[in-house]
Amino acid sequence: MTGFVFLSNIGTILEPRNLFRVWERVREQAGLHKHTFHGLRHDFGSLLMERGVPDKVIAELIGHANPAVTRRVYQHAANASQRRAVDAMAEAMVGDAAEAV
């Protein structure tokens, strides 16, 4: 047992360039826009933060030792979530005000 997650067909360490080559082929076949393999990690963290998953949980899943790093890296996702929450409240209040008239 090597402890590595990705191995070649013959059980050796997978060379990064081969992983990237496979990723490009899969990405193109799926019709996804040009995106780096590392970008998937960032997307994963951003989507979890936007959905309110606690920083500590995201940090554990991504491999950050400190949730403060996670908050700093994915702060834009938290800001987007906060903006949507404020917009939703404003919409609710305007709707309520219009119904009261």
PDB file of N, CA and C in Angstrom:
ATOM      1  N   MET A   1       0.856  -1.178   0.000  1.00  0.00           N
ATOM      2  CA  MET A   1       0.000   0.000   0.000  1.00  0.00           C
ATOM      3  C   MET A   1       0.900   1.240   0.000  1.00  0.00           C
ATOM      4  N   THR A   2       0.696   2.130  -0.961  1.00  0.00           N
ATOM      5  CA  THR A   2       1.561   3.305  -1.097  1.00  0.00           C
ATOM      6  C   THR A   2       1.076   4.508  -0.307  1.00  0.00           C
ATOM      7  N   GLY A   3      -0.212   4.588  -0.061  1.00  0.00           N
ATOM      8  CA  GLY A   3      -0.766   5.755   0.605  1.00  0.00           C
ATOM      9  C   GLY A   3      -1.142   6.857  -0.364  1.00  0.00           C
ATOM     10  N   PHE A   4      -0.818   6.698  -1.651  1.00  0.00           N
ATOM     11  CA  PHE A   4      -1.172   7.698  -2.650  1.00  0.00           C
ATOM     12  C   PHE A   4      -2.589   7.449  -3.146  1.00  0.00           C
ATOM     13  N   VAL A   5      -3.278   8.523  -3.475  1.00  0.00           N
ATOM     14  CA  VAL A   5      -4.651   8.417  -3.949  1.00  0.00           C
ATOM     15  C   VAL A   5      -4.691   8.049  -5.427  1.00  0.00           C
ATOM     16  N   PHE A   6      -3.858   8.712  -6.230  1.00  0.00           N
ATOM     17  CA  PHE A   6      -3.854   8.477  -7.668  1.00  0.00           C
ATOM     18  C   PHE A   6      -2.580   7.745  -8.065  1.00  0.00           C
ATOM     19  N   LEU A   7      -2.750   6.579  -8.686  1.00  0.00           N
ATOM     20  CA  LEU A   7      -1.614   5.795  -9.166  1.00  0.00           C
ATOM     21  C   LEU A   7      -1.774   5.548 -10.659  1.00  0.00           C
ATOM     22  N   SER A   8      -0.658   5.280 -11.309  1.00  0.00           N
ATOM     23  CA  SER A   8      -0.697   4.945 -12.730  1.00  0.00           C
ATOM     24  C   SER A   8      -1.282   3.544 -12.910  1.00  0.00           C
ATOM     25  N   ASN A   9      -1.445   3.149 -14.161  1.00  0.00           N
ATOM     26  CA  ASN A   9      -1.983   1.804 -14.450  1.00  0.00           C
ATOM     27  C   ASN A   9      -1.091   0.691 -13.921  1.00  0.00           C
ATOM     28  N   ILE A  10       0.202   0.990 -13.720  1.00  0.00           N
ATOM     29  CA  ILE A  10       1.125  -0.047 -13.233  1.00  0.00           C
ATOM     30  C   ILE A  10       1.454   0.121 -11.749  1.00  0.00           C
ATOM     31  N   GLY A  11       0.706   1.007 -11.061  1.00  0.00           N
ATOM     32  CA  GLY A  11       0.850   1.145  -9.624  1.00  0.00           C
ATOM     33  C   GLY A  11       1.919   2.110  -9.149  1.00  0.00           C
ATOM     34  N   THR A  12       2.498   2.878 -10.068  1.00  0.00           N
ATOM     35  CA  THR A  12       3.506   3.859  -9.666  1.00  0.00           C
ATOM     36  C   THR A  12       2.846   5.204  -9.428  1.00  0.00           C
ATOM     37  N   ILE A  13       3.600   6.131  -8.863  1.00  0.00           N
ATOM     38  CA  ILE A  13       3.086   7.476  -8.614  1.00  0.00           C
ATOM     39  C   ILE A  13       2.652   8.098  -9.936  1.00  0.00           C
ATOM     40  N   LEU A  14       1.474   8.690  -9.940  1.00  0.00           N
ATOM     41  CA  LEU A  14       0.951   9.323 -11.142  1.00  0.00           C
ATOM     42  C   LEU A  14       1.650  10.661 -11.350  1.00  0.00           C
ATOM     43  N   GLU A  15       2.226  10.821 -12.500  1.00  0.00           N
ATOM     44  CA  GLU A  15       2.888  12.076 -12.829  1.00  0.00           C
ATOM     45  C   GLU A  15       1.834  13.169 -12.996  1.00  0.00           C
ATOM     46  N   PRO A  16       2.056  14.350 -12.418  1.00  0.00           N
ATOM     47  CA  PRO A  16       1.061  15.424 -12.521  1.00  0.00           C
ATOM     48  C   PRO A  16       0.660  15.741 -13.959  1.00  0.00           C
ATOM     49  N   ARG A  17       1.605  15.727 -14.879  1.00  0.00           N
ATOM     50  CA  ARG A  17       1.252  16.075 -16.265  1.00  0.00           C
ATOM     51  C   ARG A  17       0.259  15.077 -16.848  1.00  0.00           C
ATOM     52  N   ASN A  18       0.334  13.812 -16.402  1.00  0.00           N
ATOM     53  CA  ASN A  18      -0.627  12.822 -16.892  1.00  0.00           C
ATOM     54  C   ASN A  18      -2.014  13.072 -16.304  1.00  0.00           C
ATOM     55  N   LEU A  19      -2.075  13.428 -15.042  1.00  0.00           N
ATOM     56  CA  LEU A  19      -3.351  13.766 -14.421  1.00  0.00           C
ATOM     57  C   LEU A  19      -3.973  14.960 -15.128  1.00  0.00           C
ATOM     58  N   PHE A  20      -3.185  15.975 -15.413  1.00  0.00           N
ATOM     59  CA  PHE A  20      -3.691  17.170 -16.082  1.00  0.00           C
ATOM     60  C   PHE A  20      -4.164  16.848 -17.496  1.00  0.00           C
ATOM     61  N   ARG A  21      -3.472  15.951 -18.170  1.00  0.00           N
ATOM     62  CA  ARG A  21      -3.868  15.548 -19.512  1.00  0.00           C
ATOM     63  C   ARG A  21      -5.239  14.846 -19.466  1.00  0.00           C
ATOM     64  N   VAL A  22      -5.420  13.950 -18.500  1.00  0.00           N
ATOM     65  CA  VAL A  22      -6.707  13.270 -18.344  1.00  0.00           C
ATOM     66  C   VAL A  22      -7.791  14.281 -17.989  1.00  0.00           C
ATOM     67  N   TRP A  23      -7.474  15.195 -17.070  1.00  0.00           N
ATOM     68  CA  TRP A  23      -8.437  16.224 -16.672  1.00  0.00           C
ATOM     69  C   TRP A  23      -8.896  17.029 -17.881  1.00  0.00           C
ATOM     70  N   GLU A  24      -7.973  17.440 -18.735  1.00  0.00           N
ATOM     71  CA  GLU A  24      -8.337  18.223 -19.918  1.00  0.00           C
ATOM     72  C   GLU A  24      -9.274  17.433 -20.827  1.00  0.00           C
ATOM     73  N   ARG A  25      -8.999  16.166 -21.020  1.00  0.00           N
ATOM     74  CA  ARG A  25      -9.840  15.334 -21.878  1.00  0.00           C
ATOM     75  C   ARG A  25     -11.247  15.198 -21.277  1.00  0.00           C
ATOM     76  N   VAL A  26     -11.321  14.918 -19.991  1.00  0.00           N
ATOM     77  CA  VAL A  26     -12.624  14.775 -19.327  1.00  0.00           C
ATOM     78  C   VAL A  26     -13.386  16.097 -19.366  1.00  0.00           C
ATOM     79  N   ARG A  27     -12.680  17.196 -19.083  1.00  0.00           N
ATOM     80  CA  ARG A  27     -13.303  18.519 -19.090  1.00  0.00           C
ATOM     81  C   ARG A  27     -13.896  18.835 -20.458  1.00  0.00           C
ATOM     82  N   GLU A  28     -13.129  18.592 -21.511  1.00  0.00           N
ATOM     83  CA  GLU A  28     -13.600  18.866 -22.872  1.00  0.00           C
ATOM     84  C   GLU A  28     -14.795  17.984 -23.227  1.00  0.00           C
ATOM     85  N   GLN A  29     -14.727  16.706 -22.881  1.00  0.00           N
ATOM     86  CA  GLN A  29     -15.829  15.783 -23.181  1.00  0.00           C
ATOM     87  C   GLN A  29     -17.103  16.186 -22.448  1.00  0.00           C
ATOM     88  N   ALA A  30     -16.948  16.750 -21.267  1.00  0.00           N
ATOM     89  CA  ALA A  30     -18.109  17.181 -20.483  1.00  0.00           C
ATOM     90  C   ALA A  30     -18.640  18.537 -20.939  1.00  0.00           C
ATOM     91  N   GLY A  31     -17.889  19.186 -21.827  1.00  0.00           N
ATOM     92  CA  GLY A  31     -18.319  20.494 -22.322  1.00  0.00           C
ATOM     93  C   GLY A  31     -18.116  21.617 -21.320  1.00  0.00           C
ATOM     94  N   LEU A  32     -17.204  21.430 -20.380  1.00  0.00           N
ATOM     95  CA  LEU A  32     -16.935  22.465 -19.376  1.00  0.00           C
ATOM     96  C   LEU A  32     -15.970  23.504 -19.930  1.00  0.00           C
ATOM     97  N   HIS A  33     -16.098  24.732 -19.434  1.00  0.00           N
ATOM     98  CA  HIS A  33     -15.185  25.790 -19.870  1.00  0.00           C
ATOM     99  C   HIS A  33     -13.767  25.506 -19.372  1.00  0.00           C
ATOM    100  N   LYS A  34     -12.805  26.163 -19.965  1.00  0.00           N
ATOM    101  CA  LYS A  34     -11.406  25.959 -19.592  1.00  0.00           C
ATOM    102  C   LYS A  34     -11.237  26.302 -18.118  1.00  0.00           C
ATOM    103  N   HIS A  35     -10.711  25.352 -17.391  1.00  0.00           N
ATOM    104  CA  HIS A  35     -10.610  25.494 -15.943  1.00  0.00           C
ATOM    105  C   HIS A  35      -9.469  24.615 -15.458  1.00  0.00           C
ATOM    106  N   THR A  36      -8.666  25.128 -14.564  1.00  0.00           N
ATOM    107  CA  THR A  36      -7.550  24.329 -14.068  1.00  0.00           C
ATOM    108  C   THR A  36      -8.043  23.258 -13.105  1.00  0.00           C
ATOM    109  N   PHE A  37      -7.254  22.219 -12.968  1.00  0.00           N
ATOM    110  CA  PHE A  37      -7.577  21.154 -12.027  1.00  0.00           C
ATOM    111  C   PHE A  37      -7.609  21.722 -10.610  1.00  0.00           C
ATOM    112  N   HIS A  38      -6.648  22.587 -10.278  1.00  0.00           N
ATOM    113  CA  HIS A  38      -6.612  23.205  -8.950  1.00  0.00           C
ATOM    114  C   HIS A  38      -7.843  24.091  -8.740  1.00  0.00           C
ATOM    115  N   GLY A  39      -8.367  24.652  -9.823  1.00  0.00           N
ATOM    116  CA  GLY A  39      -9.564  25.478  -9.718  1.00  0.00           C
ATOM    117  C   GLY A  39     -10.750  24.721  -9.156  1.00  0.00           C
ATOM    118  N   LEU A  40     -10.771  23.399  -9.357  1.00  0.00           N
ATOM    119  CA  LEU A  40     -11.852  22.587  -8.795  1.00  0.00           C
ATOM    120  C   LEU A  40     -11.869  22.678  -7.274  1.00  0.00           C
ATOM    121  N   ARG A  41     -10.690  22.702  -6.686  1.00  0.00           N
ATOM    122  CA  ARG A  41     -10.573  22.806  -5.225  1.00  0.00           C
ATOM    123  C   ARG A  41     -11.159  24.136  -4.750  1.00  0.00           C
ATOM    124  N   HIS A  42     -10.833  25.191  -5.484  1.00  0.00           N
ATOM    125  CA  HIS A  42     -11.338  26.514  -5.125  1.00  0.00           C
ATOM    126  C   HIS A  42     -12.860  26.566  -5.305  1.00  0.00           C
ATOM    127  N   ASP A  43     -13.361  26.003  -6.383  1.00  0.00           N
ATOM    128  CA  ASP A  43     -14.808  25.950  -6.601  1.00  0.00           C
ATOM    129  C   ASP A  43     -15.495  25.207  -5.465  1.00  0.00           C
ATOM    130  N   PHE A  44     -14.911  24.079  -5.063  1.00  0.00           N
ATOM    131  CA  PHE A  44     -15.455  23.263  -3.987  1.00  0.00           C
ATOM    132  C   PHE A  44     -15.591  24.091  -2.706  1.00  0.00           C
ATOM    133  N   GLY A  45     -14.502  24.761  -2.321  1.00  0.00           N
ATOM    134  CA  GLY A  45     -14.527  25.580  -1.111  1.00  0.00           C
ATOM    135  C   GLY A  45     -15.503  26.730  -1.211  1.00  0.00           C
ATOM    136  N   SER A  46     -15.537  27.389  -2.359  1.00  0.00           N
ATOM    137  CA  SER A  46     -16.441  28.532  -2.552  1.00  0.00           C
ATOM    138  C   SER A  46     -17.899  28.107  -2.469  1.00  0.00           C
ATOM    139  N   LEU A  47     -18.229  27.007  -3.138  1.00  0.00           N
ATOM    140  CA  LEU A  47     -19.615  26.543  -3.133  1.00  0.00           C
ATOM    141  C   LEU A  47     -20.064  26.125  -1.732  1.00  0.00           C
ATOM    142  N   LEU A  48     -19.178  25.476  -0.986  1.00  0.00           N
ATOM    143  CA  LEU A  48     -19.535  25.090   0.382  1.00  0.00           C
ATOM    144  C   LEU A  48     -19.751  26.327   1.250  1.00  0.00           C
ATOM    145  N   MET A  49     -18.869  27.324   1.110  1.00  0.00           N
ATOM    146  CA  MET A  49     -19.003  28.531   1.927  1.00  0.00           C
ATOM    147  C   MET A  49     -20.286  29.276   1.560  1.00  0.00           C
ATOM    148  N   GLU A  50     -20.607  29.363   0.270  1.00  0.00           N
ATOM    149  CA  GLU A  50     -21.836  30.037  -0.158  1.00  0.00           C
ATOM    150  C   GLU A  50     -23.075  29.370   0.412  1.00  0.00           C
ATOM    151  N   ARG A  51     -22.977  28.078   0.690  1.00  0.00           N
ATOM    152  CA  ARG A  51     -24.119  27.339   1.210  1.00  0.00           C
ATOM    153  C   ARG A  51     -24.125  27.250   2.731  1.00  0.00           C
ATOM    154  N   GLY A  52     -23.233  28.012   3.366  1.00  0.00           N
ATOM    155  CA  GLY A  52     -23.260  28.118   4.815  1.00  0.00           C
ATOM    156  C   GLY A  52     -22.588  26.992   5.579  1.00  0.00           C
ATOM    157  N   VAL A  53     -21.770  26.185   4.905  1.00  0.00           N
ATOM    158  CA  VAL A  53     -21.043  25.130   5.607  1.00  0.00           C
ATOM    159  C   VAL A  53     -20.012  25.804   6.525  1.00  0.00           C
ATOM    160  N   PRO A  54     -19.898  25.371   7.764  1.00  0.00           N
ATOM    161  CA  PRO A  54     -18.958  26.007   8.698  1.00  0.00           C
ATOM    162  C   PRO A  54     -17.507  25.978   8.192  1.00  0.00           C
ATOM    163  N   ASP A  55     -16.784  27.061   8.467  1.00  0.00           N
ATOM    164  CA  ASP A  55     -15.385  27.199   8.036  1.00  0.00           C
ATOM    165  C   ASP A  55     -14.537  26.008   8.466  1.00  0.00           C
ATOM    166  N   LYS A  56     -14.760  25.535   9.686  1.00  0.00           N
ATOM    167  CA  LYS A  56     -13.956  24.430  10.213  1.00  0.00           C
ATOM    168  C   LYS A  56     -14.140  23.170   9.368  1.00  0.00           C
ATOM    169  N   VAL A  57     -15.366  22.913   8.956  1.00  0.00           N
ATOM    170  CA  VAL A  57     -15.653  21.731   8.135  1.00  0.00           C
ATOM    171  C   VAL A  57     -14.997  21.878   6.763  1.00  0.00           C
ATOM    172  N   ILE A  58     -15.124  23.054   6.161  1.00  0.00           N
ATOM    173  CA  ILE A  58     -14.507  23.292   4.854  1.00  0.00           C
ATOM    174  C   ILE A  58     -12.996  23.136   4.962  1.00  0.00           C
ATOM    175  N   ALA A  59     -12.407  23.703   6.022  1.00  0.00           N
ATOM    176  CA  ALA A  59     -10.950  23.601   6.220  1.00  0.00           C
ATOM    177  C   ALA A  59     -10.521  22.141   6.294  1.00  0.00           C
ATOM    178  N   GLU A  60     -11.270  21.328   7.013  1.00  0.00           N
ATOM    179  CA  GLU A  60     -10.927  19.908   7.128  1.00  0.00           C
ATOM    180  C   GLU A  60     -11.014  19.208   5.776  1.00  0.00           C
ATOM    181  N   LEU A  61     -12.052  19.513   5.017  1.00  0.00           N
ATOM    182  CA  LEU A  61     -12.235  18.867   3.717  1.00  0.00           C
ATOM    183  C   LEU A  61     -11.173  19.293   2.700  1.00  0.00           C
ATOM    184  N   ILE A  62     -10.779  20.550   2.763  1.00  0.00           N
ATOM    185  CA  ILE A  62      -9.803  21.072   1.804  1.00  0.00           C
ATOM    186  C   ILE A  62      -8.370  20.779   2.235  1.00  0.00           C
ATOM    187  N   GLY A  63      -8.180  20.624   3.536  1.00  0.00           N
ATOM    188  CA  GLY A  63      -6.838  20.327   4.028  1.00  0.00           C
ATOM    189  C   GLY A  63      -6.125  21.517   4.631  1.00  0.00           C
ATOM    190  N   HIS A  64      -6.880  22.563   4.966  1.00  0.00           N
ATOM    191  CA  HIS A  64      -6.284  23.699   5.665  1.00  0.00           C
ATOM    192  C   HIS A  64      -6.162  23.345   7.144  1.00  0.00           C
ATOM    193  N   ALA A  65      -5.000  23.624   7.722  1.00  0.00           N
ATOM    194  CA  ALA A  65      -4.796  23.344   9.141  1.00  0.00           C
ATOM    195  C   ALA A  65      -5.565  24.326  10.016  1.00  0.00           C
ATOM    196  N   ASN A  66      -5.837  25.507   9.486  1.00  0.00           N
ATOM    197  CA  ASN A  66      -6.447  26.564  10.274  1.00  0.00           C
ATOM    198  C   ASN A  66      -7.661  27.126   9.525  1.00  0.00           C
ATOM    199  N   PRO A  67      -8.855  27.109  10.142  1.00  0.00           N
ATOM    200  CA  PRO A  67     -10.043  27.658   9.480  1.00  0.00           C
ATOM    201  C   PRO A  67      -9.914  29.141   9.122  1.00  0.00           C
ATOM    202  N   ALA A  68      -9.018  29.863   9.799  1.00  0.00           N
ATOM    203  CA  ALA A  68      -8.808  31.280   9.453  1.00  0.00           C
ATOM    204  C   ALA A  68      -8.275  31.412   8.035  1.00  0.00           C
ATOM    205  N   VAL A  69      -7.445  30.470   7.618  1.00  0.00           N
ATOM    206  CA  VAL A  69      -6.930  30.467   6.236  1.00  0.00           C
ATOM    207  C   VAL A  69      -8.093  30.272   5.279  1.00  0.00           C
ATOM    208  N   THR A  70      -8.968  29.352   5.603  1.00  0.00           N
ATOM    209  CA  THR A  70     -10.136  29.074   4.763  1.00  0.00           C
ATOM    210  C   THR A  70     -11.004  30.320   4.632  1.00  0.00           C
ATOM    211  N   ARG A  71     -11.275  30.988   5.755  1.00  0.00           N
ATOM    212  CA  ARG A  71     -12.086  32.217   5.720  1.00  0.00           C
ATOM    213  C   ARG A  71     -11.441  33.267   4.829  1.00  0.00           C
ATOM    214  N   ARG A  72     -10.120  33.411   4.944  1.00  0.00           N
ATOM    215  CA  ARG A  72      -9.417  34.434   4.165  1.00  0.00           C
ATOM    216  C   ARG A  72      -9.459  34.105   2.665  1.00  0.00           C
ATOM    217  N   VAL A  73      -9.225  32.850   2.323  1.00  0.00           N
ATOM    218  CA  VAL A  73      -9.180  32.451   0.912  1.00  0.00           C
ATOM    219  C   VAL A  73     -10.563  32.533   0.263  1.00  0.00           C
ATOM    220  N   TYR A  74     -11.609  32.164   1.008  1.00  0.00           N
ATOM    221  CA  TYR A  74     -12.946  32.073   0.436  1.00  0.00           C
ATOM    222  C   TYR A  74     -13.873  33.187   0.902  1.00  0.00           C
ATOM    223  N   GLN A  75     -13.318  34.282   1.377  1.00  0.00           N
ATOM    224  CA  GLN A  75     -14.123  35.397   1.871  1.00  0.00           C
ATOM    225  C   GLN A  75     -15.076  35.921   0.808  1.00  0.00           C
ATOM    226  N   HIS A  76     -14.658  35.918  -0.457  1.00  0.00           N
ATOM    227  CA  HIS A  76     -15.532  36.411  -1.522  1.00  0.00           C
ATOM    228  C   HIS A  76     -16.839  35.617  -1.579  1.00  0.00           C
ATOM    229  N   ALA A  77     -16.781  34.330  -1.292  1.00  0.00           N
ATOM    230  CA  ALA A  77     -17.988  33.504  -1.306  1.00  0.00           C
ATOM    231  C   ALA A  77     -18.902  33.894  -0.155  1.00  0.00           C
ATOM    232  N   ALA A  78     -18.323  34.162   1.003  1.00  0.00           N
ATOM    233  CA  ALA A  78     -19.120  34.587   2.149  1.00  0.00           C
ATOM    234  C   ALA A  78     -19.768  35.938   1.860  1.00  0.00           C
ATOM    235  N   ASN A  79     -19.025  36.838   1.230  1.00  0.00           N
ATOM    236  CA  ASN A  79     -19.572  38.149   0.882  1.00  0.00           C
ATOM    237  C   ASN A  79     -20.744  38.011  -0.079  1.00  0.00           C
ATOM    238  N   ALA A  80     -20.626  37.115  -1.060  1.00  0.00           N
ATOM    239  CA  ALA A  80     -21.712  36.894  -2.025  1.00  0.00           C
ATOM    240  C   ALA A  80     -22.951  36.356  -1.312  1.00  0.00           C
ATOM    241  N   SER A  81     -22.745  35.451  -0.367  1.00  0.00           N
ATOM    242  CA  SER A  81     -23.871  34.887   0.386  1.00  0.00           C
ATOM    243  C   SER A  81     -24.556  35.965   1.219  1.00  0.00           C
ATOM    244  N   GLN A  82     -23.763  36.820   1.841  1.00  0.00           N
ATOM    245  CA  GLN A  82     -24.322  37.901   2.650  1.00  0.00           C
ATOM    246  C   GLN A  82     -25.119  38.872   1.774  1.00  0.00           C
ATOM    247  N   ARG A  83     -24.605  39.162   0.593  1.00  0.00           N
ATOM    248  CA  ARG A  83     -25.302  40.065  -0.328  1.00  0.00           C
ATOM    249  C   ARG A  83     -26.651  39.481  -0.727  1.00  0.00           C
ATOM    250  N   ARG A  84     -26.680  38.172  -1.025  1.00  0.00           N
ATOM    251  CA  ARG A  84     -27.946  37.522  -1.392  1.00  0.00           C
ATOM    252  C   ARG A  84     -28.933  37.558  -0.224  1.00  0.00           C
ATOM    253  N   ALA A  85     -28.422  37.388   0.995  1.00  0.00           N
ATOM    254  CA  ALA A  85     -29.290  37.428   2.167  1.00  0.00           C
ATOM    255  C   ALA A  85     -29.908  38.814   2.339  1.00  0.00           C
ATOM    256  N   VAL A  86     -29.099  39.853   2.165  1.00  0.00           N
ATOM    257  CA  VAL A  86     -29.598  41.226   2.279  1.00  0.00           C
ATOM    258  C   VAL A  86     -30.616  41.506   1.174  1.00  0.00           C
ATOM    259  N   ASP A  87     -30.314  41.059  -0.047  1.00  0.00           N
ATOM    260  CA  ASP A  87     -31.241  41.258  -1.157  1.00  0.00           C
ATOM    261  C   ASP A  87     -32.572  40.550  -0.893  1.00  0.00           C
ATOM    262  N   ALA A  88     -32.497  39.331  -0.336  1.00  0.00           N
ATOM    263  CA  ALA A  88     -33.715  38.577  -0.040  1.00  0.00           C
ATOM    264  C   ALA A  88     -34.545  39.297   1.011  1.00  0.00           C
ATOM    265  N   MET A  89     -33.886  39.851   2.026  1.00  0.00           N
ATOM    266  CA  MET A  89     -34.608  40.583   3.071  1.00  0.00           C
ATOM    267  C   MET A  89     -35.250  41.840   2.496  1.00  0.00           C
ATOM    268  N   ALA A  90     -34.522  42.556   1.654  1.00  0.00           N
ATOM    269  CA  ALA A  90     -35.067  43.767   1.039  1.00  0.00           C
ATOM    270  C   ALA A  90     -36.279  43.425   0.181  1.00  0.00           C
ATOM    271  N   GLU A  91     -36.175  42.346  -0.573  1.00  0.00           N
ATOM    272  CA  GLU A  91     -37.294  41.915  -1.413  1.00  0.00           C
ATOM    273  C   GLU A  91     -38.501  41.551  -0.558  1.00  0.00           C
ATOM    274  N   ALA A  92     -38.264  40.862   0.549  1.00  0.00           N
ATOM    275  CA  ALA A  92     -39.358  40.482   1.448  1.00  0.00           C
ATOM    276  C   ALA A  92     -40.015  41.719   2.046  1.00  0.00           C
ATOM    277  N   MET A  93     -39.204  42.688   2.435  1.00  0.00           N
ATOM    278  CA  MET A  93     -39.748  43.896   3.059  1.00  0.00           C
ATOM    279  C   MET A  93     -40.527  44.730   2.047  1.00  0.00           C
ATOM    280  N   VAL A  94     -40.025  44.853   0.836  1.00  0.00           N
ATOM    281  CA  VAL A  94     -40.731  45.613  -0.198  1.00  0.00           C
ATOM    282  C   VAL A  94     -42.030  44.900  -0.541  1.00  0.00           C
ATOM    283  N   GLY A  95     -41.976  43.581  -0.642  1.00  0.00           N
ATOM    284  CA  GLY A  95     -43.185  42.821  -0.920  1.00  0.00           C
ATOM    285  C   GLY A  95     -44.223  42.980   0.176  1.00  0.00           C
ATOM    286  N   ASP A  96     -43.766  42.927   1.420  1.00  0.00           N
ATOM    287  CA  ASP A  96     -44.664  43.097   2.563  1.00  0.00           C
ATOM    288  C   ASP A  96     -45.263  44.498   2.559  1.00  0.00           C
ATOM    289  N   ALA A  97     -44.450  45.518   2.245  1.00  0.00           N
ATOM    290  CA  ALA A  97     -44.932  46.898   2.239  1.00  0.00           C
ATOM    291  C   ALA A  97     -45.963  47.091   1.124  1.00  0.00           C
ATOM    292  N   ALA A  98     -45.708  46.498  -0.042  1.00  0.00           N
ATOM    293  CA  ALA A  98     -46.628  46.638  -1.164  1.00  0.00           C
ATOM    294  C   ALA A  98     -47.962  45.963  -0.864  1.00  0.00           C
ATOM    295  N   GLU A  99     -47.922  44.829  -0.152  1.00  0.00           N
ATOM    296  CA  GLU A  99     -49.146  44.118   0.194  1.00  0.00           C
ATOM    297  C   GLU A  99     -49.970  44.881   1.233  1.00  0.00           C
ATOM    298  N   ALA A 100     -49.291  45.692   2.068  1.00  0.00           N
ATOM    299  CA  ALA A 100     -49.985  46.416   3.139  1.00  0.00           C
ATOM    300  C   ALA A 100     -50.743  47.616   2.597  1.00  0.00           C
ATOM    301  N   VAL A 101     -50.392  48.073   1.402  1.00  0.00           N
ATOM    302  CA  VAL A 101     -51.018  49.270   0.847  1.00  0.00           C
ATOM    303  C   VAL A 101     -52.346  48.976   0.233  1.00  0.00           C
TER     304      VAL A 101
END
